Amino acid sequence: MNFASFINDLREHLRQPLPGHSAHDLMRAEPIGRWRPKLDHKTPPRPGAVLILLYPEDGIVKFPLIRRATYAGAHSGQISLPGGKAEAGETVVETALREAEEEIGLDRSQAEVLGALTEFFVIASNFTVTPIVAAMHGPIVFKPDPYETAGIIYGDLFDLLREEAVLKKEILAAGQYRMMAPHFEIEGEVVWGATAMMLNELRVILKDVSTD
């Protein structure tokens, strides 16, 4: 596969109308039993961004996910894309690149931004998140921040395109809420929730992108 040609084709597709919530809904987890998430928040959602960073390695297009460190929060210990909340005056691109630099040691000056996916509201943490898609053309050595990142998981982008890539199982959210969760399994880790929903939008787009 010619990585440069693939990246150029993907950039063009990201400029076209996006599948958006129709792709998100395919990976939406559903509560089991009477419990339902509370949808009312007392404050407006905070802006944030995550980074889907694509890079070639041994003929494969890969992307990093992180395991969040354990903390008192809604996403403690979860598998997610690098990212976080915006600082004052930042664009979503600046947020995504800065957070990736802080969390996995990305040299943001080397990242080629291709575009953005659909803005996504994360109910559990009251964030409006924009997924930014970027590429790097050379080998990458990641340096995870031990305070924010408990580890890095390396995804194979085209594994997401397999018919059997979408799985479903019952999971326990926040250690107490039963959910039936569509998910991807990446390096033995269950990737579900907002991260899976955002990745699925990219998955839908990739079905029309040339990988020759």
Foldseek 3Di string as FASTA:
>chain_A
DPVVQLLVLLLVLQVDDFPPPVLLVVFDKAFDPDDDDDQDDPDAFFEKEFEFEWEDDPNFTKGKWFQWDADPFQRHRHIAGQMDTDDPPDDRLVRHLVSQCQFWNDPSVQKAWSHWHDFDQARRRRHTYIYTYIYGYDDDDTDGDVNTTVDMFMAGLCCCQDPPQWDWDWDAGPNHTTITGTFGQGPNHTHGDPRRSRSSSVNVSCVPGDPD
